[in-house]
Amino acid sequence: VQLVESGGGLVQPGGSLRLSCVASGFTFNRYSMSWYRQAPGKERELVASISSAGGSTNYAESMKGRFTISRDNAKSTVYLQMNSLNAEDTAVYYCNAKRTGLGLVFWGQGTQVTVSS
């Protein structure tokens, strides 16, 4: 099982980034997918999640209206479009796969997002 994130980097305040997470080794379309983030000295927090078929999404309050989660089951990929970034968005962003009911959870290695001028 692998979850490989990409798309992180350094961006100026107000800028945008699109993160990608490519999955392999499991049946992607049977798993809900989420993005989490962890800032230095803080606990990991949920950013956004999307249901297995993509019909339902959920966002942390501070991300609503700025971030958009989506998935392409044909490509076994989940995306996170991040707009209007600010310094508080600086964190390592992690991809997460979960199969509810079976207790299966997988994590990616994370990708660093730094928002700074």
PDB file of N, CA and C in Angstrom:
ATOM      1  N   VAL A   1       0.839  -1.192   0.000  1.00  0.00           N
ATOM      2  CA  VAL A   1       0.000   0.000   0.000  1.00  0.00           C
ATOM      3  C   VAL A   1       0.880   1.250   0.000  1.00  0.00           C
ATOM      4  N   GLN A   2       0.561   2.164  -0.897  1.00  0.00           N
ATOM      5  CA  GLN A   2       1.299   3.426  -0.949  1.00  0.00           C
ATOM      6  C   GLN A   2       0.355   4.589  -1.177  1.00  0.00           C
ATOM      7  N   LEU A   3       0.626   5.681  -0.487  1.00  0.00           N
ATOM      8  CA  LEU A   3      -0.009   6.958  -0.739  1.00  0.00           C
ATOM      9  C   LEU A   3       1.126   7.954  -0.920  1.00  0.00           C
ATOM     10  N   VAL A   4       1.226   8.522  -2.105  1.00  0.00           N
ATOM     11  CA  VAL A   4       2.346   9.402  -2.415  1.00  0.00           C
ATOM     12  C   VAL A   4       1.823  10.804  -2.710  1.00  0.00           C
ATOM     13  N   GLU A   5       2.130  11.727  -1.799  1.00  0.00           N
ATOM     14  CA  GLU A   5       1.700  13.105  -1.965  1.00  0.00           C
ATOM     15  C   GLU A   5       2.719  13.896  -2.782  1.00  0.00           C
ATOM     16  N   SER A   6       2.223  14.902  -3.461  1.00  0.00           N
ATOM     17  CA  SER A   6       3.090  15.820  -4.190  1.00  0.00           C
ATOM     18  C   SER A   6       2.372  17.161  -4.319  1.00  0.00           C
ATOM     19  N   GLY A   7       3.127  18.158  -4.753  1.00  0.00           N
ATOM     20  CA  GLY A   7       2.540  19.464  -5.000  1.00  0.00           C
ATOM     21  C   GLY A   7       2.806  20.506  -3.942  1.00  0.00           C
ATOM     22  N   GLY A   8       3.437  20.106  -2.852  1.00  0.00           N
ATOM     23  CA  GLY A   8       3.767  21.076  -1.821  1.00  0.00           C
ATOM     24  C   GLY A   8       4.901  21.991  -2.255  1.00  0.00           C
ATOM     25  N   GLY A   9       5.163  22.988  -1.433  1.00  0.00           N
ATOM     26  CA  GLY A   9       6.247  23.912  -1.747  1.00  0.00           C
ATOM     27  C   GLY A   9       6.079  25.229  -1.027  1.00  0.00           C
ATOM     28  N   LEU A  10       6.836  26.202  -1.489  1.00  0.00           N
ATOM     29  CA  LEU A  10       6.799  27.549  -0.927  1.00  0.00           C
ATOM     30  C   LEU A  10       5.889  28.430  -1.775  1.00  0.00           C
ATOM     31  N   VAL A  11       4.973  29.125  -1.129  1.00  0.00           N
ATOM     32  CA  VAL A  11       4.042  29.997  -1.837  1.00  0.00           C
ATOM     33  C   VAL A  11       3.868  31.271  -1.026  1.00  0.00           C
ATOM     34  N   GLN A  12       3.624  32.363  -1.718  1.00  0.00           N
ATOM     35  CA  GLN A  12       3.411  33.641  -1.037  1.00  0.00           C
ATOM     36  C   GLN A  12       2.002  33.727  -0.461  1.00  0.00           C
ATOM     37  N   PRO A  13       1.819  34.514   0.568  1.00  0.00           N
ATOM     38  CA  PRO A  13       0.459  34.722   1.104  1.00  0.00           C
ATOM     39  C   PRO A  13      -0.490  35.168  -0.002  1.00  0.00           C
ATOM     40  N   GLY A  14      -1.680  34.583   0.013  1.00  0.00           N
ATOM     41  CA  GLY A  14      -2.662  34.864  -1.021  1.00  0.00           C
ATOM     42  C   GLY A  14      -2.560  33.956  -2.226  1.00  0.00           C
ATOM     43  N   GLY A  15      -1.523  33.154  -2.273  1.00  0.00           N
ATOM     44  CA  GLY A  15      -1.316  32.269  -3.410  1.00  0.00           C
ATOM     45  C   GLY A  15      -2.093  30.968  -3.314  1.00  0.00           C
ATOM     46  N   SER A  16      -1.848  30.114  -4.293  1.00  0.00           N
ATOM     47  CA  SER A  16      -2.557  28.842  -4.394  1.00  0.00           C
ATOM     48  C   SER A  16      -1.580  27.697  -4.619  1.00  0.00           C
ATOM     49  N   LEU A  17      -2.004  26.525  -4.193  1.00  0.00           N
ATOM     50  CA  LEU A  17      -1.282  25.284  -4.467  1.00  0.00           C
ATOM     51  C   LEU A  17      -2.305  24.181  -4.677  1.00  0.00           C
ATOM     52  N   ARG A  18      -1.916  23.187  -5.461  1.00  0.00           N
ATOM     53  CA  ARG A  18      -2.745  22.005  -5.645  1.00  0.00           C
ATOM     54  C   ARG A  18      -1.937  20.783  -5.243  1.00  0.00           C
ATOM     55  N   LEU A  19      -2.398  20.103  -4.208  1.00  0.00           N
ATOM     56  CA  LEU A  19      -1.755  18.879  -3.762  1.00  0.00           C
ATOM     57  C   LEU A  19      -2.405  17.681  -4.439  1.00  0.00           C
ATOM     58  N   SER A  20      -1.588  16.677  -4.694  1.00  0.00           N
ATOM     59  CA  SER A  20      -2.073  15.414  -5.259  1.00  0.00           C
ATOM     60  C   SER A  20      -1.605  14.269  -4.379  1.00  0.00           C
ATOM     61  N   CYS A  21      -2.392  13.226  -4.353  1.00  0.00           N
ATOM     62  CA  CYS A  21      -2.029  12.000  -3.633  1.00  0.00           C
ATOM     63  C   CYS A  21      -2.420  10.822  -4.507  1.00  0.00           C
ATOM     64  N   VAL A  22      -1.410  10.092  -4.955  1.00  0.00           N
ATOM     65  CA  VAL A  22      -1.638   8.923  -5.797  1.00  0.00           C
ATOM     66  C   VAL A  22      -1.585   7.678  -4.927  1.00  0.00           C
ATOM     67  N   ALA A  23      -2.620   6.867  -5.034  1.00  0.00           N
ATOM     68  CA  ALA A  23      -2.744   5.662  -4.215  1.00  0.00           C
ATOM     69  C   ALA A  23      -2.456   4.412  -5.030  1.00  0.00           C
ATOM     70  N   SER A  24      -1.934   3.405  -4.360  1.00  0.00           N
ATOM     71  CA  SER A  24      -1.711   2.111  -4.999  1.00  0.00           C
ATOM     72  C   SER A  24      -1.726   1.033  -3.939  1.00  0.00           C
ATOM     73  N   GLY A  25      -2.022  -0.191  -4.365  1.00  0.00           N
ATOM     74  CA  GLY A  25      -1.968  -1.313  -3.451  1.00  0.00           C
ATOM     75  C   GLY A  25      -3.264  -1.631  -2.734  1.00  0.00           C
ATOM     76  N   PHE A  26      -4.314  -0.866  -3.017  1.00  0.00           N
ATOM     77  CA  PHE A  26      -5.616  -1.162  -2.429  1.00  0.00           C
ATOM     78  C   PHE A  26      -6.696  -0.656  -3.384  1.00  0.00           C
ATOM     79  N   THR A  27      -7.925  -1.070  -3.118  1.00  0.00           N
ATOM     80  CA  THR A  27      -9.041  -0.703  -3.997  1.00  0.00           C
ATOM     81  C   THR A  27      -9.489   0.705  -3.655  1.00  0.00           C
ATOM     82  N   PHE A  28      -8.954   1.662  -4.394  1.00  0.00           N
ATOM     83  CA  PHE A  28      -9.106   3.073  -4.085  1.00  0.00           C
ATOM     84  C   PHE A  28     -10.563   3.496  -3.958  1.00  0.00           C
ATOM     85  N   ASN A  29     -11.416   3.010  -4.857  1.00  0.00           N
ATOM     86  CA  ASN A  29     -12.795   3.503  -4.880  1.00  0.00           C
ATOM     87  C   ASN A  29     -13.656   2.943  -3.765  1.00  0.00           C
ATOM     88  N   ARG A  30     -13.067   2.179  -2.870  1.00  0.00           N
ATOM     89  CA  ARG A  30     -13.791   1.691  -1.705  1.00  0.00           C
ATOM     90  C   ARG A  30     -13.400   2.426  -0.421  1.00  0.00           C
ATOM     91  N   TYR A  31     -12.544   3.400  -0.567  1.00  0.00           N
ATOM     92  CA  TYR A  31     -12.022   4.117   0.586  1.00  0.00           C
ATOM     93  C   TYR A  31     -12.416   5.588   0.552  1.00  0.00           C
ATOM     94  N   SER A  32     -12.823   6.100   1.694  1.00  0.00           N
ATOM     95  CA  SER A  32     -12.914   7.545   1.809  1.00  0.00           C
ATOM     96  C   SER A  32     -11.500   8.090   1.940  1.00  0.00           C
ATOM     97  N   MET A  33     -11.314   9.297   1.443  1.00  0.00           N
ATOM     98  CA  MET A  33      -9.985   9.906   1.437  1.00  0.00           C
ATOM     99  C   MET A  33     -10.035  11.246   2.167  1.00  0.00           C
ATOM    100  N   SER A  34      -8.954  11.545   2.822  1.00  0.00           N
ATOM    101  CA  SER A  34      -8.884  12.797   3.574  1.00  0.00           C
ATOM    102  C   SER A  34      -7.507  13.417   3.438  1.00  0.00           C
ATOM    103  N   TRP A  35      -7.459  14.696   3.684  1.00  0.00           N
ATOM    104  CA  TRP A  35      -6.215  15.427   3.862  1.00  0.00           C
ATOM    105  C   TRP A  35      -6.178  15.913   5.310  1.00  0.00           C
ATOM    106  N   TYR A  36      -5.054  15.690   5.936  1.00  0.00           N
ATOM    107  CA  TYR A  36      -4.771  16.208   7.266  1.00  0.00           C
ATOM    108  C   TYR A  36      -3.548  17.108   7.159  1.00  0.00           C
ATOM    109  N   ARG A  37      -3.339  17.888   8.191  1.00  0.00           N
ATOM    110  CA  ARG A  37      -2.109  18.684   8.240  1.00  0.00           C
ATOM    111  C   ARG A  37      -1.613  18.773   9.668  1.00  0.00           C
ATOM    112  N   GLN A  38      -0.311  18.986   9.762  1.00  0.00           N
ATOM    113  CA  GLN A  38       0.309  19.138  11.080  1.00  0.00           C
ATOM    114  C   GLN A  38       1.332  20.255  11.020  1.00  0.00           C
ATOM    115  N   ALA A  39       1.081  21.297  11.784  1.00  0.00           N
ATOM    116  CA  ALA A  39       2.002  22.420  11.880  1.00  0.00           C
ATOM    117  C   ALA A  39       2.990  22.163  13.016  1.00  0.00           C
ATOM    118  N   PRO A  40       4.146  22.791  12.975  1.00  0.00           N
ATOM    119  CA  PRO A  40       5.137  22.593  14.034  1.00  0.00           C
ATOM    120  C   PRO A  40       4.564  22.872  15.421  1.00  0.00           C
ATOM    121  N   GLY A  41       4.731  21.911  16.321  1.00  0.00           N
ATOM    122  CA  GLY A  41       4.268  22.088  17.684  1.00  0.00           C
ATOM    123  C   GLY A  41       2.782  21.903  17.890  1.00  0.00           C
ATOM    124  N   LYS A  42       2.081  21.500  16.834  1.00  0.00           N
ATOM    125  CA  LYS A  42       0.634  21.324  16.933  1.00  0.00           C
ATOM    126  C   LYS A  42       0.249  19.897  16.591  1.00  0.00           C
ATOM    127  N   GLU A  43      -0.963  19.539  16.984  1.00  0.00           N
ATOM    128  CA  GLU A  43      -1.468  18.209  16.669  1.00  0.00           C
ATOM    129  C   GLU A  43      -1.932  18.152  15.213  1.00  0.00           C
ATOM    130  N   ARG A  44      -1.955  16.950  14.696  1.00  0.00           N
ATOM    131  CA  ARG A  44      -2.455  16.758  13.339  1.00  0.00           C
ATOM    132  C   ARG A  44      -3.953  17.038  13.336  1.00  0.00           C
ATOM    133  N   GLU A  45      -4.415  17.756  12.304  1.00  0.00           N
ATOM    134  CA  GLU A  45      -5.826  18.111  12.221  1.00  0.00           C
ATOM    135  C   GLU A  45      -6.384  17.770  10.850  1.00  0.00           C
ATOM    136  N   LEU A  46      -7.671  17.484  10.838  1.00  0.00           N
ATOM    137  CA  LEU A  46      -8.355  17.189   9.585  1.00  0.00           C
ATOM    138  C   LEU A  46      -8.527  18.473   8.784  1.00  0.00           C
ATOM    139  N   VAL A  47      -8.221  18.387   7.494  1.00  0.00           N
ATOM    140  CA  VAL A  47      -8.421  19.512   6.589  1.00  0.00           C
ATOM    141  C   VAL A  47      -9.715  19.324   5.805  1.00  0.00           C
ATOM    142  N   ALA A  48      -9.823  18.167   5.162  1.00  0.00           N
ATOM    143  CA  ALA A  48     -10.994  17.890   4.330  1.00  0.00           C
ATOM    144  C   ALA A  48     -11.077  16.394   4.073  1.00  0.00           C
ATOM    145  N   SER A  49     -12.282  15.923   3.801  1.00  0.00           N
ATOM    146  CA  SER A  49     -12.479  14.524   3.466  1.00  0.00           C
ATOM    147  C   SER A  49     -13.493  14.406   2.346  1.00  0.00           C
ATOM    148  N   ILE A  50     -13.441  13.260   1.650  1.00  0.00           N
ATOM    149  CA  ILE A  50     -14.337  13.005   0.541  1.00  0.00           C
ATOM    150  C   ILE A  50     -14.721  11.531   0.566  1.00  0.00           C
ATOM    151  N   SER A  51     -15.975  11.267   0.268  1.00  0.00           N
ATOM    152  CA  SER A  51     -16.473   9.897   0.300  1.00  0.00           C
ATOM    153  C   SER A  51     -15.889   9.076  -0.841  1.00  0.00           C
ATOM    154  N   SER A  52     -16.096   7.769  -0.769  1.00  0.00           N
ATOM    155  CA  SER A  52     -15.467   6.864  -1.720  1.00  0.00           C
ATOM    156  C   SER A  52     -15.848   7.154  -3.175  1.00  0.00           C
ATOM    157  N   ALA A  53     -17.104   7.533  -3.392  1.00  0.00           N
ATOM    158  CA  ALA A  53     -17.557   7.834  -4.748  1.00  0.00           C
ATOM    159  C   ALA A  53     -17.405   9.307  -5.097  1.00  0.00           C
ATOM    160  N   GLY A  54     -17.044  10.109  -4.102  1.00  0.00           N
ATOM    161  CA  GLY A  54     -16.841  11.529  -4.347  1.00  0.00           C
ATOM    162  C   GLY A  54     -18.077  12.390  -4.196  1.00  0.00           C
ATOM    163  N   GLY A  55     -19.173  11.790  -3.774  1.00  0.00           N
ATOM    164  CA  GLY A  55     -20.407  12.556  -3.703  1.00  0.00           C
ATOM    165  C   GLY A  55     -20.582  13.398  -2.462  1.00  0.00           C
ATOM    166  N   SER A  56     -19.742  13.164  -1.477  1.00  0.00           N
ATOM    167  CA  SER A  56     -19.867  13.898  -0.217  1.00  0.00           C
ATOM    168  C   SER A  56     -18.500  14.395   0.231  1.00  0.00           C
ATOM    169  N   THR A  57     -18.456  15.655   0.626  1.00  0.00           N
ATOM    170  CA  THR A  57     -17.204  16.245   1.112  1.00  0.00           C
ATOM    171  C   THR A  57     -17.445  16.913   2.461  1.00  0.00           C
ATOM    172  N   ASN A  58     -16.366  17.076   3.178  1.00  0.00           N
ATOM    173  CA  ASN A  58     -16.433  17.700   4.499  1.00  0.00           C
ATOM    174  C   ASN A  58     -15.156  18.509   4.694  1.00  0.00           C
ATOM    175  N   TYR A  59     -15.291  19.687   5.294  1.00  0.00           N
ATOM    176  CA  TYR A  59     -14.150  20.574   5.481  1.00  0.00           C
ATOM    177  C   TYR A  59     -14.081  21.066   6.918  1.00  0.00           C
ATOM    178  N   ALA A  60     -12.873  21.259   7.384  1.00  0.00           N
ATOM    179  CA  ALA A  60     -12.697  21.978   8.636  1.00  0.00           C
ATOM    180  C   ALA A  60     -13.157  23.413   8.430  1.00  0.00           C
ATOM    181  N   GLU A  61     -13.667  23.995   9.475  1.00  0.00           N
ATOM    182  CA  GLU A  61     -14.300  25.308   9.359  1.00  0.00           C
ATOM    183  C   GLU A  61     -13.380  26.352   8.740  1.00  0.00           C
ATOM    184  N   SER A  62     -12.122  26.366   9.140  1.00  0.00           N
ATOM    185  CA  SER A  62     -11.210  27.409   8.671  1.00  0.00           C
ATOM    186  C   SER A  62     -10.802  27.235   7.206  1.00  0.00           C
ATOM    187  N   MET A  63     -11.139  26.079   6.618  1.00  0.00           N
ATOM    188  CA  MET A  63     -10.774  25.819   5.230  1.00  0.00           C
ATOM    189  C   MET A  63     -11.949  26.011   4.269  1.00  0.00           C
ATOM    190  N   LYS A  64     -13.137  26.120   4.818  1.00  0.00           N
ATOM    191  CA  LYS A  64     -14.311  26.240   3.957  1.00  0.00           C
ATOM    192  C   LYS A  64     -14.210  27.487   3.096  1.00  0.00           C
ATOM    193  N   GLY A  65     -14.488  27.309   1.820  1.00  0.00           N
ATOM    194  CA  GLY A  65     -14.444  28.425   0.895  1.00  0.00           C
ATOM    195  C   GLY A  65     -13.076  28.690   0.299  1.00  0.00           C
ATOM    196  N   ARG A  66     -12.033  28.113   0.892  1.00  0.00           N
ATOM    197  CA  ARG A  66     -10.672  28.306   0.382  1.00  0.00           C
ATOM    198  C   ARG A  66     -10.093  27.035  -0.215  1.00  0.00           C
ATOM    199  N   PHE A  67     -10.431  25.894   0.384  1.00  0.00           N
ATOM    200  CA  PHE A  67      -9.881  24.612  -0.053  1.00  0.00           C
ATOM    201  C   PHE A  67     -10.975  23.774  -0.710  1.00  0.00           C
ATOM    202  N   THR A  68     -10.568  22.988  -1.693  1.00  0.00           N
ATOM    203  CA  THR A  68     -11.489  22.076  -2.360  1.00  0.00           C
ATOM    204  C   THR A  68     -10.843  20.709  -2.503  1.00  0.00           C
ATOM    205  N   ILE A  69     -11.515  19.695  -1.979  1.00  0.00           N
ATOM    206  CA  ILE A  69     -11.034  18.321  -2.136  1.00  0.00           C
ATOM    207  C   ILE A  69     -11.794  17.664  -3.276  1.00  0.00           C
ATOM    208  N   SER A  70     -11.088  16.870  -4.050  1.00  0.00           N
ATOM    209  CA  SER A  70     -11.718  16.140  -5.151  1.00  0.00           C
ATOM    210  C   SER A  70     -10.953  14.845  -5.365  1.00  0.00           C
ATOM    211  N   ARG A  71     -11.535  13.957  -6.161  1.00  0.00           N
ATOM    212  CA  ARG A  71     -10.863  12.682  -6.423  1.00  0.00           C
ATOM    213  C   ARG A  71     -11.177  12.232  -7.826  1.00  0.00           C
ATOM    214  N   ASP A  72     -10.269  11.447  -8.367  1.00  0.00           N
ATOM    215  CA  ASP A  72     -10.441  10.810  -9.665  1.00  0.00           C
ATOM    216  C   ASP A  72     -10.203   9.324  -9.441  1.00  0.00           C
ATOM    217  N   ASN A  73     -11.273   8.570  -9.337  1.00  0.00           N
ATOM    218  CA  ASN A  73     -11.122   7.145  -9.032  1.00  0.00           C
ATOM    219  C   ASN A  73     -10.458   6.373 -10.168  1.00  0.00           C
ATOM    220  N   ALA A  74     -10.596   6.851 -11.372  1.00  0.00           N
ATOM    221  CA  ALA A  74      -9.933   6.197 -12.498  1.00  0.00           C
ATOM    222  C   ALA A  74      -8.407   6.318 -12.403  1.00  0.00           C
ATOM    223  N   LYS A  75      -7.956   7.370 -11.748  1.00  0.00           N
ATOM    224  CA  LYS A  75      -6.519   7.597 -11.585  1.00  0.00           C
ATOM    225  C   LYS A  75      -6.033   7.286 -10.174  1.00  0.00           C
ATOM    226  N   SER A  76      -6.939   6.820  -9.319  1.00  0.00           N
ATOM    227  CA  SER A  76      -6.584   6.529  -7.917  1.00  0.00           C
ATOM    228  C   SER A  76      -5.877   7.707  -7.281  1.00  0.00           C
ATOM    229  N   THR A  77      -6.438   8.879  -7.486  1.00  0.00           N
ATOM    230  CA  THR A  77      -5.806  10.111  -7.026  1.00  0.00           C
ATOM    231  C   THR A  77      -6.822  11.000  -6.326  1.00  0.00           C
ATOM    232  N   VAL A  78      -6.367  11.613  -5.251  1.00  0.00           N
ATOM    233  CA  VAL A  78      -7.157  12.618  -4.551  1.00  0.00           C
ATOM    234  C   VAL A  78      -6.377  13.926  -4.588  1.00  0.00           C
ATOM    235  N   TYR A  79      -7.107  15.017  -4.690  1.00  0.00           N
ATOM    236  CA  TYR A  79      -6.505  16.335  -4.831  1.00  0.00           C
ATOM    237  C   TYR A  79      -6.972  17.258  -3.712  1.00  0.00           C
ATOM    238  N   LEU A  80      -6.165  18.262  -3.456  1.00  0.00           N
ATOM    239  CA  LEU A  80      -6.560  19.339  -2.559  1.00  0.00           C
ATOM    240  C   LEU A  80      -6.142  20.653  -3.209  1.00  0.00           C
ATOM    241  N   GLN A  81      -7.119  21.395  -3.673  1.00  0.00           N
ATOM    242  CA  GLN A  81      -6.866  22.723  -4.221  1.00  0.00           C
ATOM    243  C   GLN A  81      -6.941  23.722  -3.079  1.00  0.00           C
ATOM    244  N   MET A  82      -5.868  24.465  -2.888  1.00  0.00           N
ATOM    245  CA  MET A  82      -5.795  25.415  -1.771  1.00  0.00           C
ATOM    246  C   MET A  82      -5.612  26.821  -2.323  1.00  0.00           C
ATOM    247  N   ASN A  83      -6.541  27.691  -2.001  1.00  0.00           N
ATOM    248  CA  ASN A  83      -6.496  29.077  -2.449  1.00  0.00           C
ATOM    249  C   ASN A  83      -6.415  30.013  -1.249  1.00  0.00           C
ATOM    250  N   SER A  84      -6.063  31.246  -1.526  1.00  0.00           N
ATOM    251  CA  SER A  84      -5.980  32.274  -0.476  1.00  0.00           C
ATOM    252  C   SER A  84      -5.180  31.793   0.735  1.00  0.00           C
ATOM    253  N   LEU A  85      -4.029  31.242   0.453  1.00  0.00           N
ATOM    254  CA  LEU A  85      -3.207  30.686   1.524  1.00  0.00           C
ATOM    255  C   LEU A  85      -2.639  31.789   2.412  1.00  0.00           C
ATOM    256  N   ASN A  86      -2.508  31.466   3.675  1.00  0.00           N
ATOM    257  CA  ASN A  86      -1.891  32.392   4.623  1.00  0.00           C
ATOM    258  C   ASN A  86      -0.884  31.632   5.483  1.00  0.00           C
ATOM    259  N   ALA A  87      -0.165  32.363   6.299  1.00  0.00           N
ATOM    260  CA  ALA A  87       0.923  31.765   7.072  1.00  0.00           C
ATOM    261  C   ALA A  87       0.436  30.643   7.978  1.00  0.00           C
ATOM    262  N   GLU A  88      -0.799  30.740   8.438  1.00  0.00           N
ATOM    263  CA  GLU A  88      -1.350  29.708   9.321  1.00  0.00           C
ATOM    264  C   GLU A  88      -1.590  28.383   8.602  1.00  0.00           C
ATOM    265  N   ASP A  89      -1.509  28.393   7.285  1.00  0.00           N
ATOM    266  CA  ASP A  89      -1.665  27.162   6.516  1.00  0.00           C
ATOM    267  C   ASP A  89      -0.347  26.402   6.376  1.00  0.00           C
ATOM    268  N   THR A  90       0.731  26.980   6.857  1.00  0.00           N
ATOM    269  CA  THR A  90       2.029  26.306   6.809  1.00  0.00           C
ATOM    270  C   THR A  90       2.002  25.050   7.662  1.00  0.00           C
ATOM    271  N   ALA A  91       2.295  23.930   7.027  1.00  0.00           N
ATOM    272  CA  ALA A  91       2.225  22.636   7.722  1.00  0.00           C
ATOM    273  C   ALA A  91       2.690  21.546   6.774  1.00  0.00           C
ATOM    274  N   VAL A  92       2.849  20.363   7.337  1.00  0.00           N
ATOM    275  CA  VAL A  92       3.005  19.170   6.501  1.00  0.00           C
ATOM    276  C   VAL A  92       1.607  18.619   6.258  1.00  0.00           C
ATOM    277  N   TYR A  93       1.292  18.388   5.001  1.00  0.00           N
ATOM    278  CA  TYR A  93      -0.025  17.893   4.616  1.00  0.00           C
ATOM    279  C   TYR A  93       0.060  16.402   4.299  1.00  0.00           C
ATOM    280  N   TYR A  94      -0.846  15.645   4.904  1.00  0.00           N
ATOM    281  CA  TYR A  94      -0.843  14.193   4.775  1.00  0.00           C
ATOM    282  C   TYR A  94      -2.114  13.694   4.098  1.00  0.00           C
ATOM    283  N   CYS A  95      -1.938  12.713   3.276  1.00  0.00           N
ATOM    284  CA  CYS A  95      -3.047  12.022   2.638  1.00  0.00           C
ATOM    285  C   CYS A  95      -3.436  10.819   3.496  1.00  0.00           C
ATOM    286  N   ASN A  96      -4.724  10.563   3.600  1.00  0.00           N
ATOM    287  CA  ASN A  96      -5.235   9.485   4.455  1.00  0.00           C
ATOM    288  C   ASN A  96      -6.317   8.724   3.716  1.00  0.00           C
ATOM    289  N   ALA A  97      -6.271   7.405   3.818  1.00  0.00           N
ATOM    290  CA  ALA A  97      -7.296   6.545   3.243  1.00  0.00           C
ATOM    291  C   ALA A  97      -7.926   5.732   4.355  1.00  0.00           C
ATOM    292  N   LYS A  98      -9.242   5.632   4.340  1.00  0.00           N
ATOM    293  CA  LYS A  98      -9.936   4.916   5.401  1.00  0.00           C
ATOM    294  C   LYS A  98     -11.068   4.073   4.838  1.00  0.00           C
ATOM    295  N   ARG A  99     -11.100   2.824   5.286  1.00  0.00           N
ATOM    296  CA  ARG A  99     -12.197   1.927   4.924  1.00  0.00           C
ATOM    297  C   ARG A  99     -13.036   1.721   6.183  1.00  0.00           C
ATOM    298  N   THR A 100     -14.101   2.469   6.273  1.00  0.00           N
ATOM    299  CA  THR A 100     -14.960   2.423   7.457  1.00  0.00           C
ATOM    300  C   THR A 100     -15.558   1.033   7.615  1.00  0.00           C
ATOM    301  N   GLY A 101     -15.559   0.553   8.825  1.00  0.00           N
ATOM    302  CA  GLY A 101     -16.145  -0.757   9.097  1.00  0.00           C
ATOM    303  C   GLY A 101     -15.121  -1.869   9.150  1.00  0.00           C
ATOM    304  N   LEU A 102     -13.999  -1.666   8.469  1.00  0.00           N
ATOM    305  CA  LEU A 102     -12.946  -2.677   8.478  1.00  0.00           C
ATOM    306  C   LEU A 102     -11.746  -2.238   9.300  1.00  0.00           C
ATOM    307  N   GLY A 103     -11.788  -0.997   9.760  1.00  0.00           N
ATOM    308  CA  GLY A 103     -10.679  -0.516  10.568  1.00  0.00           C
ATOM    309  C   GLY A 103      -9.378  -0.366   9.815  1.00  0.00           C
ATOM    310  N   LEU A 104      -9.465  -0.135   8.522  1.00  0.00           N
ATOM    311  CA  LEU A 104      -8.253   0.010   7.702  1.00  0.00           C
ATOM    312  C   LEU A 104      -7.973   1.484   7.469  1.00  0.00           C
ATOM    313  N   VAL A 105      -6.783   1.892   7.805  1.00  0.00           N
ATOM    314  CA  VAL A 105      -6.363   3.283   7.643  1.00  0.00           C
ATOM    315  C   VAL A 105      -4.935   3.314   7.114  1.00  0.00           C
ATOM    316  N   PHE A 106      -4.716   4.108   6.071  1.00  0.00           N
ATOM    317  CA  PHE A 106      -3.380   4.250   5.499  1.00  0.00           C
ATOM    318  C   PHE A 106      -3.011   5.724   5.462  1.00  0.00           C
ATOM    319  N   TRP A 107      -1.706   5.984   5.606  1.00  0.00           N
ATOM    320  CA  TRP A 107      -1.194   7.359   5.584  1.00  0.00           C
ATOM    321  C   TRP A 107      -0.083   7.503   4.560  1.00  0.00           C
ATOM    322  N   GLY A 108      -0.016   8.678   3.963  1.00  0.00           N
ATOM    323  CA  GLY A 108       1.116   9.023   3.124  1.00  0.00           C
ATOM    324  C   GLY A 108       2.241   9.582   3.977  1.00  0.00           C
ATOM    325  N   GLN A 109       3.341   9.936   3.305  1.00  0.00           N
ATOM    326  CA  GLN A 109       4.518  10.410   4.030  1.00  0.00           C
ATOM    327  C   GLN A 109       4.480  11.914   4.284  1.00  0.00           C
ATOM    328  N   GLY A 110       3.581  12.598   3.612  1.00  0.00           N
ATOM    329  CA  GLY A 110       3.412  14.029   3.827  1.00  0.00           C
ATOM    330  C   GLY A 110       4.152  14.882   2.821  1.00  0.00           C
ATOM    331  N   THR A 111       3.636  16.072   2.606  1.00  0.00           N
ATOM    332  CA  THR A 111       4.293  17.051   1.740  1.00  0.00           C
ATOM    333  C   THR A 111       4.244  18.408   2.432  1.00  0.00           C
ATOM    334  N   GLN A 112       5.367  19.094   2.419  1.00  0.00           N
ATOM    335  CA  GLN A 112       5.482  20.360   3.141  1.00  0.00           C
ATOM    336  C   GLN A 112       4.876  21.503   2.330  1.00  0.00           C
ATOM    337  N   VAL A 113       4.051  22.280   2.996  1.00  0.00           N
ATOM    338  CA  VAL A 113       3.521  23.517   2.432  1.00  0.00           C
ATOM    339  C   VAL A 113       3.978  24.672   3.323  1.00  0.00           C
ATOM    340  N   THR A 114       4.663  25.628   2.723  1.00  0.00           N
ATOM    341  CA  THR A 114       5.137  26.784   3.461  1.00  0.00           C
ATOM    342  C   THR A 114       4.600  28.046   2.807  1.00  0.00           C
ATOM    343  N   VAL A 115       3.905  28.844   3.598  1.00  0.00           N
ATOM    344  CA  VAL A 115       3.345  30.096   3.097  1.00  0.00           C
ATOM    345  C   VAL A 115       4.135  31.238   3.721  1.00  0.00           C
ATOM    346  N   SER A 116       4.868  31.926   2.891  1.00  0.00           N
ATOM    347  CA  SER A 116       5.745  32.981   3.396  1.00  0.00           C
ATOM    348  C   SER A 116       6.103  33.941   2.274  1.00  0.00           C
ATOM    349  N   SER A 117       6.309  35.203   2.655  1.00  0.00           N
ATOM    350  CA  SER A 117       6.742  36.195   1.671  1.00  0.00           C
ATOM    351  C   SER A 117       8.264  36.298   1.661  1.00  0.00           C
TER     352      SER A 117
END
